[in-house]
Amino acid sequence: MRIIAEIPHSQFKISVFSWNSKYIIKIELGNFEQAFKLREDEVSGLEDIKKLLTDSFLEKSLKNFIEMRSAFSESLSKL
């Protein structure tokens, strides 16, 4: 797996990788991460990938992170 780019963002660490004829978009916030895979033929390159990262998409990703943290904290509190 090789890194293609790191896309600047005020809240997230966003990295784009190339692996096995796929692009992997990894969004990180604290100890949590979300990964999205695309076949290389679904987009024409990095510029198309950047276009996917709309404000709406990233807001939904933030909501996912909040849900992930909540679920993890709930599970961890039961130990």
Protein backbone atom coordinates (compact mmCIF):
# COMPACT_ATOMS: atom_id res chain seq x y z
CA MET A 1 0.00 0.00 0.00
CA ARG A 2 1.39 3.38 -0.91
CA ILE A 3 0.21 6.80 0.13
CA ILE A 4 -1.01 9.02 -2.70
CA ALA A 5 -1.90 12.15 -0.74
CA GLU A 6 -2.78 13.70 2.57
CA ILE A 7 -5.66 16.11 2.18
CA PRO A 8 -5.64 19.01 4.64
CA HIS A 9 -8.69 19.42 6.86
CA SER A 10 -9.31 21.37 10.07
CA GLN A 11 -10.81 18.42 12.00
CA PHE A 12 -9.73 15.20 10.32
CA LYS A 13 -6.59 13.57 9.07
CA ILE A 14 -7.49 12.47 5.55
CA SER A 15 -5.14 10.14 3.68
CA VAL A 16 -5.49 8.54 0.26
CA PHE A 17 -3.75 5.26 -0.51
CA SER A 18 -3.38 3.08 -3.58
CA TRP A 19 -3.51 -0.68 -3.13
CA ASN A 20 -4.60 -3.66 -5.24
CA SER A 21 -6.13 -1.52 -8.01
CA LYS A 22 -8.12 0.41 -5.43
CA TYR A 23 -7.99 3.78 -3.78
CA ILE A 24 -8.51 3.80 -0.04
CA ILE A 25 -9.68 7.02 1.58
CA LYS A 26 -8.91 6.97 5.29
CA ILE A 27 -10.45 9.58 7.57
CA GLU A 28 -9.13 9.73 11.13
CA LEU A 29 -10.34 11.56 14.21
CA GLY A 30 -8.56 10.82 17.48
CA ASN A 31 -8.40 7.07 18.06
CA PHE A 32 -11.01 6.25 15.42
CA GLU A 33 -10.87 5.89 11.67
CA GLN A 34 -13.17 5.27 8.73
CA ALA A 35 -12.00 3.81 5.44
CA PHE A 36 -13.68 3.91 2.04
CA LYS A 37 -12.49 1.85 -0.92
CA LEU A 38 -12.96 2.69 -4.58
CA ARG A 39 -11.87 0.77 -7.63
CA GLU A 40 -9.37 2.81 -9.62
CA ASP A 41 -11.70 2.77 -12.61
CA GLU A 42 -14.52 4.45 -10.60
CA VAL A 43 -12.66 7.77 -10.51
CA SER A 44 -10.15 9.46 -12.76
CA GLY A 45 -7.68 10.21 -9.97
CA LEU A 46 -6.97 12.35 -6.95
CA GLU A 47 -9.01 15.34 -8.13
CA ASP A 48 -12.15 13.20 -8.33
CA ILE A 49 -11.43 11.78 -4.89
CA LYS A 50 -11.18 15.32 -3.50
CA LYS A 51 -14.55 16.12 -5.08
CA LEU A 52 -16.09 13.23 -3.13
CA LEU A 53 -15.09 14.83 0.17
CA THR A 54 -17.92 17.35 0.26
CA ASP A 55 -18.98 19.21 3.40
CA SER A 56 -22.08 17.02 3.57
CA PHE A 57 -20.06 13.80 3.34
CA LEU A 58 -17.61 14.96 6.01
CA GLU A 59 -20.45 16.06 8.32
CA LYS A 60 -21.90 12.56 8.05
CA SER A 61 -18.46 11.14 8.77
CA LEU A 62 -18.32 13.26 11.93
CA LYS A 63 -21.69 11.84 13.01
CA ASN A 64 -20.32 8.35 12.39
CA PHE A 65 -17.32 9.14 14.59
CA ILE A 66 -19.63 10.33 17.38
CA GLU A 67 -21.64 7.09 17.12
CA MET A 68 -18.45 5.02 17.06
CA ARG A 69 -17.12 6.74 20.17
CA SER A 70 -20.43 6.31 21.97
CA ALA A 71 -20.67 2.60 21.14
CA PHE A 72 -17.06 2.00 22.12
CA SER A 73 -17.36 3.94 25.39
CA GLU A 74 -20.51 2.03 26.29
CA SER A 75 -18.83 -1.29 25.62
CA LEU A 76 -15.66 -0.25 27.45
CA SER A 77 -17.63 0.80 30.53
CA LYS A 78 -18.90 -2.78 30.87
CA LEU A 79 -15.41 -4.20 31.43
